[in-house]
Amino acid sequence: MTSKLNELLEKNYDAEKGYKKAADKVENTKLKQFFNEQAQKRNGFGHEIKTEIKNYGENPDKGGSVTGTMHRTWMDIETAFSSNKEETILEEVQKGEKAAVEEYNEVIKDTTLPPTTQKILTNHRDTIQDAWQSAKNFEAVVS
């Protein structure tokens, strides 16, 4: 369980970095605010997951390292940043959030997951789904 939580932790760090970078690249103030808010949320998710890992008596992996399990989609966002097109960045954000929802679902369906951890992860997943939908809505506006 700890390894799965550490993977989610790492992916939240990746998403946080991706959102911060996205916020730096866009000029639309509402979009910039959205990206900054999502970065803060993902940072908070990371802290919650760290606490859960510690509750299991384990040590969380140090975040921010480039590992083989790094969230590939958030790495792909580099391509979008080079173009500086808001629509392209939003498409990459959607891919990242879709992958995150799927990864959360994989962990949440584990029947050995304690109810408290399941509740935290379900809240994260639901928030990520909302961000995914918001990115779709923004894309419709900027395209």
N, C-alpha and C. Protein backbone atom coordinates (compact mmCIF):
# COMPACT_ATOMS: atom_id res chain seq x y z
N MET A 1 0.83 -1.20 0.00
CA MET A 1 0.00 0.00 0.00
C MET A 1 0.87 1.26 0.00
N THR A 2 1.94 1.22 0.77
CA THR A 2 2.81 2.39 0.85
C THR A 2 3.41 2.73 -0.51
N SER A 3 3.78 1.72 -1.28
CA SER A 3 4.37 2.01 -2.59
C SER A 3 3.34 2.67 -3.51
N LYS A 4 2.08 2.23 -3.43
CA LYS A 4 1.03 2.86 -4.24
C LYS A 4 0.82 4.31 -3.81
N LEU A 5 0.82 4.53 -2.51
CA LEU A 5 0.65 5.90 -2.02
C LEU A 5 1.85 6.77 -2.41
N ASN A 6 3.05 6.21 -2.36
CA ASN A 6 4.23 6.97 -2.79
C ASN A 6 4.15 7.32 -4.27
N GLU A 7 3.60 6.42 -5.08
CA GLU A 7 3.42 6.73 -6.51
C GLU A 7 2.45 7.89 -6.69
N LEU A 8 1.34 7.87 -5.95
CA LEU A 8 0.39 8.98 -6.02
C LEU A 8 1.04 10.27 -5.53
N LEU A 9 1.85 10.16 -4.49
CA LEU A 9 2.55 11.32 -3.95
C LEU A 9 3.44 11.94 -5.03
N GLU A 10 4.22 11.11 -5.68
CA GLU A 10 5.13 11.57 -6.74
C GLU A 10 4.34 12.21 -7.89
N LYS A 11 3.23 11.61 -8.25
CA LYS A 11 2.42 12.13 -9.35
C LYS A 11 1.78 13.48 -8.98
N ASN A 12 1.45 13.64 -7.71
CA ASN A 12 0.93 14.93 -7.27
C ASN A 12 2.01 16.00 -7.33
N TYR A 13 3.24 15.64 -6.97
CA TYR A 13 4.35 16.59 -7.11
C TYR A 13 4.52 16.98 -8.58
N ASP A 14 4.45 15.98 -9.46
CA ASP A 14 4.59 16.25 -10.90
C ASP A 14 3.48 17.18 -11.39
N ALA A 15 2.25 16.91 -10.96
CA ALA A 15 1.12 17.74 -11.38
C ALA A 15 1.27 19.16 -10.83
N GLU A 16 1.71 19.27 -9.59
CA GLU A 16 1.92 20.60 -9.00
C GLU A 16 2.92 21.39 -9.84
N LYS A 17 4.04 20.77 -10.19
CA LYS A 17 5.04 21.43 -11.01
C LYS A 17 4.47 21.79 -12.38
N GLY A 18 3.70 20.88 -12.97
CA GLY A 18 3.10 21.12 -14.27
C GLY A 18 2.15 22.30 -14.23
N TYR A 19 1.33 22.37 -13.19
CA TYR A 19 0.40 23.49 -13.06
C TYR A 19 1.13 24.82 -12.85
N LYS A 20 2.20 24.80 -12.04
CA LYS A 20 2.96 26.03 -11.83
C LYS A 20 3.57 26.51 -13.14
N LYS A 21 4.11 25.58 -13.89
CA LYS A 21 4.72 25.93 -15.17
C LYS A 21 3.64 26.46 -16.13
N ALA A 22 2.47 25.81 -16.12
CA ALA A 22 1.38 26.26 -16.98
C ALA A 22 0.96 27.69 -16.60
N ALA A 23 0.88 27.97 -15.30
CA ALA A 23 0.49 29.31 -14.84
C ALA A 23 1.49 30.36 -15.33
N ASP A 24 2.76 29.98 -15.36
CA ASP A 24 3.79 30.92 -15.82
C ASP A 24 3.71 31.19 -17.33
N LYS A 25 3.15 30.24 -18.07
CA LYS A 25 3.15 30.33 -19.53
C LYS A 25 1.92 31.00 -20.13
N VAL A 26 0.85 31.12 -19.37
CA VAL A 26 -0.38 31.68 -19.94
C VAL A 26 -0.53 33.15 -19.54
N GLU A 27 -1.25 33.88 -20.38
CA GLU A 27 -1.50 35.28 -20.09
C GLU A 27 -2.91 35.53 -19.57
N ASN A 28 -3.84 34.65 -19.93
CA ASN A 28 -5.22 34.77 -19.48
C ASN A 28 -5.25 34.71 -17.94
N THR A 29 -5.73 35.78 -17.30
CA THR A 29 -5.67 35.85 -15.84
C THR A 29 -6.52 34.79 -15.15
N LYS A 30 -7.68 34.48 -15.71
CA LYS A 30 -8.53 33.45 -15.11
C LYS A 30 -7.87 32.07 -15.21
N LEU A 31 -7.24 31.82 -16.33
CA LEU A 31 -6.55 30.55 -16.55
C LEU A 31 -5.33 30.46 -15.63
N LYS A 32 -4.60 31.54 -15.50
CA LYS A 32 -3.44 31.60 -14.61
C LYS A 32 -3.87 31.31 -13.17
N GLN A 33 -4.98 31.92 -12.75
CA GLN A 33 -5.50 31.71 -11.40
C GLN A 33 -5.91 30.25 -11.21
N PHE A 34 -6.59 29.68 -12.20
CA PHE A 34 -7.00 28.28 -12.15
C PHE A 34 -5.78 27.37 -11.98
N PHE A 35 -4.75 27.58 -12.78
CA PHE A 35 -3.56 26.75 -12.71
C PHE A 35 -2.87 26.89 -11.35
N ASN A 36 -2.79 28.11 -10.83
CA ASN A 36 -2.17 28.32 -9.52
C ASN A 36 -2.98 27.64 -8.41
N GLU A 37 -4.30 27.72 -8.50
CA GLU A 37 -5.15 27.05 -7.50
C GLU A 37 -4.97 25.54 -7.55
N GLN A 38 -4.88 24.99 -8.75
CA GLN A 38 -4.70 23.54 -8.89
C GLN A 38 -3.34 23.11 -8.34
N ALA A 39 -2.32 23.93 -8.57
CA ALA A 39 -0.99 23.63 -8.04
C ALA A 39 -1.05 23.56 -6.51
N GLN A 40 -1.75 24.52 -5.90
CA GLN A 40 -1.89 24.53 -4.44
C GLN A 40 -2.64 23.30 -3.94
N LYS A 41 -3.70 22.93 -4.66
CA LYS A 41 -4.47 21.74 -4.27
C LYS A 41 -3.59 20.50 -4.32
N ARG A 42 -2.82 20.36 -5.39
CA ARG A 42 -1.98 19.17 -5.53
C ARG A 42 -0.90 19.14 -4.45
N ASN A 43 -0.40 20.31 -4.06
CA ASN A 43 0.55 20.38 -2.95
C ASN A 43 -0.12 19.88 -1.67
N GLY A 44 -1.35 20.32 -1.44
CA GLY A 44 -2.10 19.86 -0.27
C GLY A 44 -2.35 18.37 -0.30
N PHE A 45 -2.67 17.84 -1.49
CA PHE A 45 -2.87 16.39 -1.63
C PHE A 45 -1.59 15.66 -1.23
N GLY A 46 -0.46 16.20 -1.66
CA GLY A 46 0.82 15.59 -1.32
C GLY A 46 1.02 15.50 0.18
N HIS A 47 0.70 16.58 0.88
CA HIS A 47 0.84 16.58 2.34
C HIS A 47 -0.09 15.55 3.00
N GLU A 48 -1.30 15.45 2.48
CA GLU A 48 -2.24 14.47 3.04
C GLU A 48 -1.74 13.04 2.80
N ILE A 49 -1.22 12.78 1.62
CA ILE A 49 -0.71 11.44 1.32
C ILE A 49 0.51 11.14 2.18
N LYS A 50 1.39 12.13 2.38
CA LYS A 50 2.55 11.94 3.25
C LYS A 50 2.10 11.53 4.65
N THR A 51 1.08 12.20 5.16
CA THR A 51 0.56 11.88 6.49
C THR A 51 0.04 10.45 6.54
N GLU A 52 -0.67 10.04 5.50
CA GLU A 52 -1.17 8.66 5.45
C GLU A 52 -0.02 7.65 5.45
N ILE A 53 1.01 7.94 4.68
CA ILE A 53 2.17 7.04 4.62
C ILE A 53 2.81 6.94 6.00
N LYS A 54 2.95 8.08 6.67
CA LYS A 54 3.53 8.08 8.02
C LYS A 54 2.64 7.31 8.99
N ASN A 55 1.32 7.40 8.80
CA ASN A 55 0.38 6.66 9.66
C ASN A 55 0.57 5.15 9.52
N TYR A 56 1.10 4.72 8.37
CA TYR A 56 1.40 3.30 8.15
C TYR A 56 2.76 2.93 8.75
N GLY A 57 3.43 3.92 9.36
CA GLY A 57 4.74 3.66 9.95
C GLY A 57 5.86 3.65 8.93
N GLU A 58 5.61 4.20 7.76
CA GLU A 58 6.60 4.24 6.69
C GLU A 58 7.06 5.67 6.45
N ASN A 59 8.12 5.80 5.68
CA ASN A 59 8.62 7.12 5.30
C ASN A 59 8.23 7.42 3.86
N PRO A 60 7.65 8.61 3.64
CA PRO A 60 7.31 8.97 2.26
C PRO A 60 8.57 9.20 1.44
N ASP A 61 8.48 8.87 0.15
CA ASP A 61 9.58 9.16 -0.76
C ASP A 61 9.74 10.67 -0.84
N LYS A 62 10.94 11.09 -1.07
CA LYS A 62 11.19 12.52 -1.27
C LYS A 62 10.62 12.93 -2.60
N GLY A 63 9.88 13.99 -2.62
CA GLY A 63 9.23 14.42 -3.85
C GLY A 63 10.14 15.21 -4.76
N GLY A 64 9.69 15.32 -5.99
CA GLY A 64 10.35 16.17 -6.95
C GLY A 64 11.50 15.53 -7.70
N SER A 65 11.82 14.28 -7.39
CA SER A 65 12.91 13.64 -8.11
C SER A 65 12.41 13.12 -9.44
N VAL A 66 13.30 13.07 -10.40
CA VAL A 66 12.93 12.53 -11.70
C VAL A 66 13.17 11.03 -11.63
N THR A 67 12.07 10.27 -11.70
CA THR A 67 12.18 8.81 -11.61
C THR A 67 11.51 8.19 -12.82
N GLY A 68 11.73 6.90 -12.98
CA GLY A 68 11.12 6.18 -14.09
C GLY A 68 9.61 6.14 -13.99
N THR A 69 9.07 6.31 -12.79
CA THR A 69 7.62 6.26 -12.63
C THR A 69 6.99 7.64 -12.73
N MET A 70 7.79 8.65 -13.07
CA MET A 70 7.25 10.00 -13.14
C MET A 70 6.08 10.05 -14.11
N HIS A 71 5.16 10.84 -13.76
CA HIS A 71 3.94 10.98 -14.55
C HIS A 71 4.28 11.47 -15.94
N ARG A 72 4.27 10.58 -16.89
CA ARG A 72 4.72 10.88 -18.25
C ARG A 72 3.91 12.00 -18.90
N THR A 73 2.63 12.02 -18.65
CA THR A 73 1.79 13.03 -19.31
C THR A 73 2.19 14.43 -18.88
N TRP A 74 2.52 14.59 -17.62
CA TRP A 74 2.93 15.92 -17.18
C TRP A 74 4.28 16.29 -17.78
N MET A 75 5.07 15.30 -18.11
CA MET A 75 6.33 15.58 -18.79
C MET A 75 6.05 16.01 -20.23
N ASP A 76 5.02 15.44 -20.84
CA ASP A 76 4.65 15.80 -22.21
C ASP A 76 4.21 17.25 -22.32
N ILE A 77 3.86 17.83 -21.21
CA ILE A 77 3.37 19.20 -21.25
C ILE A 77 4.47 20.16 -21.70
N GLU A 78 5.73 19.73 -21.61
CA GLU A 78 6.84 20.54 -22.11
C GLU A 78 6.60 20.96 -23.56
N THR A 79 6.08 20.06 -24.36
CA THR A 79 5.80 20.36 -25.76
C THR A 79 4.78 21.49 -25.85
N ALA A 80 3.76 21.41 -25.02
CA ALA A 80 2.74 22.45 -25.03
C ALA A 80 3.33 23.79 -24.61
N PHE A 81 4.24 23.76 -23.63
CA PHE A 81 4.82 25.01 -23.16
C PHE A 81 5.66 25.69 -24.23
N SER A 82 6.30 24.89 -25.04
CA SER A 82 7.15 25.48 -26.07
C SER A 82 6.32 26.25 -27.10
N SER A 83 5.07 25.86 -27.25
CA SER A 83 4.21 26.57 -28.20
C SER A 83 3.50 27.77 -27.56
N ASN A 84 3.39 27.74 -26.22
CA ASN A 84 2.72 28.81 -25.46
C ASN A 84 1.26 29.01 -25.87
N LYS A 85 0.67 28.03 -26.49
CA LYS A 85 -0.73 28.14 -26.87
C LYS A 85 -1.58 27.62 -25.71
N GLU A 86 -2.48 28.45 -25.25
CA GLU A 86 -3.31 28.07 -24.11
C GLU A 86 -4.11 26.81 -24.40
N GLU A 87 -4.62 26.71 -25.61
CA GLU A 87 -5.42 25.53 -25.96
C GLU A 87 -4.59 24.25 -25.86
N THR A 88 -3.36 24.30 -26.35
CA THR A 88 -2.47 23.13 -26.31
C THR A 88 -2.13 22.77 -24.87
N ILE A 89 -1.85 23.77 -24.05
CA ILE A 89 -1.56 23.52 -22.64
C ILE A 89 -2.75 22.88 -21.96
N LEU A 90 -3.95 23.37 -22.25
CA LEU A 90 -5.17 22.81 -21.64
C LEU A 90 -5.39 21.37 -22.08
N GLU A 91 -5.07 21.05 -23.32
CA GLU A 91 -5.21 19.67 -23.78
C GLU A 91 -4.28 18.75 -22.99
N GLU A 92 -3.05 19.20 -22.73
CA GLU A 92 -2.10 18.40 -21.97
C GLU A 92 -2.53 18.26 -20.52
N VAL A 93 -3.10 19.34 -19.95
CA VAL A 93 -3.61 19.28 -18.59
C VAL A 93 -4.72 18.22 -18.51
N GLN A 94 -5.60 18.22 -19.50
CA GLN A 94 -6.68 17.23 -19.51
C GLN A 94 -6.13 15.80 -19.55
N LYS A 95 -5.12 15.58 -20.38
CA LYS A 95 -4.51 14.24 -20.44
C LYS A 95 -3.94 13.85 -19.09
N GLY A 96 -3.26 14.80 -18.46
CA GLY A 96 -2.67 14.54 -17.15
C GLY A 96 -3.72 14.22 -16.10
N GLU A 97 -4.79 14.99 -16.10
CA GLU A 97 -5.83 14.78 -15.11
C GLU A 97 -6.60 13.48 -15.37
N LYS A 98 -6.81 13.15 -16.62
CA LYS A 98 -7.46 11.88 -16.95
C LYS A 98 -6.63 10.71 -16.42
N ALA A 99 -5.32 10.77 -16.65
CA ALA A 99 -4.43 9.72 -16.16
C ALA A 99 -4.43 9.67 -14.63
N ALA A 100 -4.46 10.84 -14.00
CA ALA A 100 -4.47 10.89 -12.53
C ALA A 100 -5.74 10.24 -11.97
N VAL A 101 -6.88 10.54 -12.57
CA VAL A 101 -8.14 9.93 -12.12
C VAL A 101 -8.06 8.41 -12.24
N GLU A 102 -7.52 7.93 -13.34
CA GLU A 102 -7.40 6.48 -13.53
C GLU A 102 -6.48 5.87 -12.48
N GLU A 103 -5.37 6.54 -12.17
CA GLU A 103 -4.43 6.04 -11.17
C GLU A 103 -5.06 6.04 -9.78
N TYR A 104 -5.77 7.09 -9.45
CA TYR A 104 -6.47 7.13 -8.16
C TYR A 104 -7.49 5.99 -8.09
N ASN A 105 -8.25 5.79 -9.16
CA ASN A 105 -9.25 4.73 -9.17
C ASN A 105 -8.62 3.36 -8.90
N GLU A 106 -7.44 3.13 -9.46
CA GLU A 106 -6.73 1.86 -9.25
C GLU A 106 -6.44 1.64 -7.77
N VAL A 107 -5.98 2.69 -7.10
CA VAL A 107 -5.64 2.56 -5.68
C VAL A 107 -6.91 2.47 -4.83
N ILE A 108 -7.91 3.28 -5.17
CA ILE A 108 -9.15 3.32 -4.38
C ILE A 108 -9.86 1.96 -4.38
N LYS A 109 -9.78 1.24 -5.49
CA LYS A 109 -10.51 -0.03 -5.57
C LYS A 109 -9.83 -1.16 -4.76
N ASP A 110 -8.65 -0.90 -4.21
CA ASP A 110 -7.96 -1.88 -3.37
C ASP A 110 -8.78 -2.12 -2.11
N THR A 111 -9.22 -3.35 -1.92
CA THR A 111 -10.11 -3.67 -0.79
C THR A 111 -9.39 -3.66 0.56
N THR A 112 -8.06 -3.62 0.56
CA THR A 112 -7.33 -3.57 1.83
C THR A 112 -7.09 -2.14 2.30
N LEU A 113 -7.55 -1.19 1.53
CA LEU A 113 -7.36 0.22 1.86
C LEU A 113 -8.21 0.59 3.08
N PRO A 114 -7.60 1.16 4.12
CA PRO A 114 -8.39 1.59 5.28
C PRO A 114 -9.41 2.65 4.86
N PRO A 115 -10.57 2.67 5.51
CA PRO A 115 -11.62 3.63 5.14
C PRO A 115 -11.16 5.10 5.17
N THR A 116 -10.31 5.44 6.11
CA THR A 116 -9.85 6.84 6.18
C THR A 116 -9.02 7.20 4.96
N THR A 117 -8.14 6.30 4.56
CA THR A 117 -7.31 6.55 3.38
C THR A 117 -8.17 6.57 2.14
N GLN A 118 -9.12 5.66 2.06
CA GLN A 118 -10.01 5.62 0.91
C GLN A 118 -10.79 6.93 0.77
N LYS A 119 -11.24 7.47 1.88
CA LYS A 119 -11.99 8.72 1.86
C LYS A 119 -11.11 9.88 1.36
N ILE A 120 -9.89 9.94 1.85
CA ILE A 120 -8.96 11.00 1.42
C ILE A 120 -8.71 10.89 -0.08
N LEU A 121 -8.41 9.68 -0.54
CA LEU A 121 -8.10 9.49 -1.96
C LEU A 121 -9.32 9.73 -2.85
N THR A 122 -10.49 9.37 -2.36
CA THR A 122 -11.72 9.62 -3.13
C THR A 122 -11.95 11.13 -3.26
N ASN A 123 -11.70 11.87 -2.19
CA ASN A 123 -11.83 13.33 -2.25
C ASN A 123 -10.84 13.93 -3.25
N HIS A 124 -9.59 13.42 -3.23
CA HIS A 124 -8.59 13.89 -4.19
C HIS A 124 -9.08 13.62 -5.61
N ARG A 125 -9.49 12.37 -5.85
CA ARG A 125 -9.92 11.98 -7.20
C ARG A 125 -11.07 12.86 -7.68
N ASP A 126 -12.03 13.11 -6.80
CA ASP A 126 -13.18 13.93 -7.18
C ASP A 126 -12.76 15.36 -7.52
N THR A 127 -11.82 15.89 -6.77
CA THR A 127 -11.31 17.23 -7.03
C THR A 127 -10.56 17.27 -8.36
N ILE A 128 -9.79 16.21 -8.64
CA ILE A 128 -9.06 16.11 -9.90
C ILE A 128 -10.04 16.01 -11.07
N GLN A 129 -11.13 15.25 -10.88
CA GLN A 129 -12.15 15.17 -11.93
C GLN A 129 -12.76 16.54 -12.21
N ASP A 130 -12.99 17.31 -11.14
CA ASP A 130 -13.52 18.67 -11.31
C ASP A 130 -12.54 19.54 -12.09
N ALA A 131 -11.24 19.40 -11.78
CA ALA A 131 -10.22 20.18 -12.50
C ALA A 131 -10.18 19.78 -13.97
N TRP A 132 -10.33 18.50 -14.21
CA TRP A 132 -10.34 17.97 -15.58
C TRP A 132 -11.49 18.61 -16.36
N GLN A 133 -12.67 18.65 -15.74
CA GLN A 133 -13.83 19.26 -16.39
C GLN A 133 -13.62 20.75 -16.59
N SER A 134 -13.04 21.41 -15.61
CA SER A 134 -12.76 22.85 -15.73
C SER A 134 -11.80 23.12 -16.88
N ALA A 135 -10.79 22.25 -17.04
CA ALA A 135 -9.84 22.41 -18.15
C ALA A 135 -10.57 22.26 -19.48
N LYS A 136 -11.52 21.33 -19.55
CA LYS A 136 -12.33 21.18 -20.77
C LYS A 136 -13.13 22.45 -21.04
N ASN A 137 -13.71 23.00 -19.98
CA ASN A 137 -14.52 24.23 -20.12
C ASN A 137 -13.65 25.40 -20.58
N PHE A 138 -12.46 25.53 -20.00
CA PHE A 138 -11.54 26.60 -20.41
C PHE A 138 -11.14 26.43 -21.87
N GLU A 139 -10.89 25.18 -22.26
CA GLU A 139 -10.47 24.92 -23.64
C GLU A 139 -11.54 25.40 -24.62
N ALA A 140 -12.79 25.17 -24.28
CA ALA A 140 -13.89 25.60 -25.15
C ALA A 140 -13.90 27.12 -25.29
N VAL A 141 -13.51 27.81 -24.23
CA VAL A 141 -13.52 29.27 -24.24
C VAL A 141 -12.34 29.83 -25.01
N VAL A 142 -11.14 29.24 -24.85
CA VAL A 142 -9.94 29.80 -25.50
C VAL A 142 -9.74 29.34 -26.92
N SER A 143 -10.47 28.29 -27.33
CA SER A 143 -10.25 27.79 -28.72
C SER A 143 -11.03 28.59 -29.74
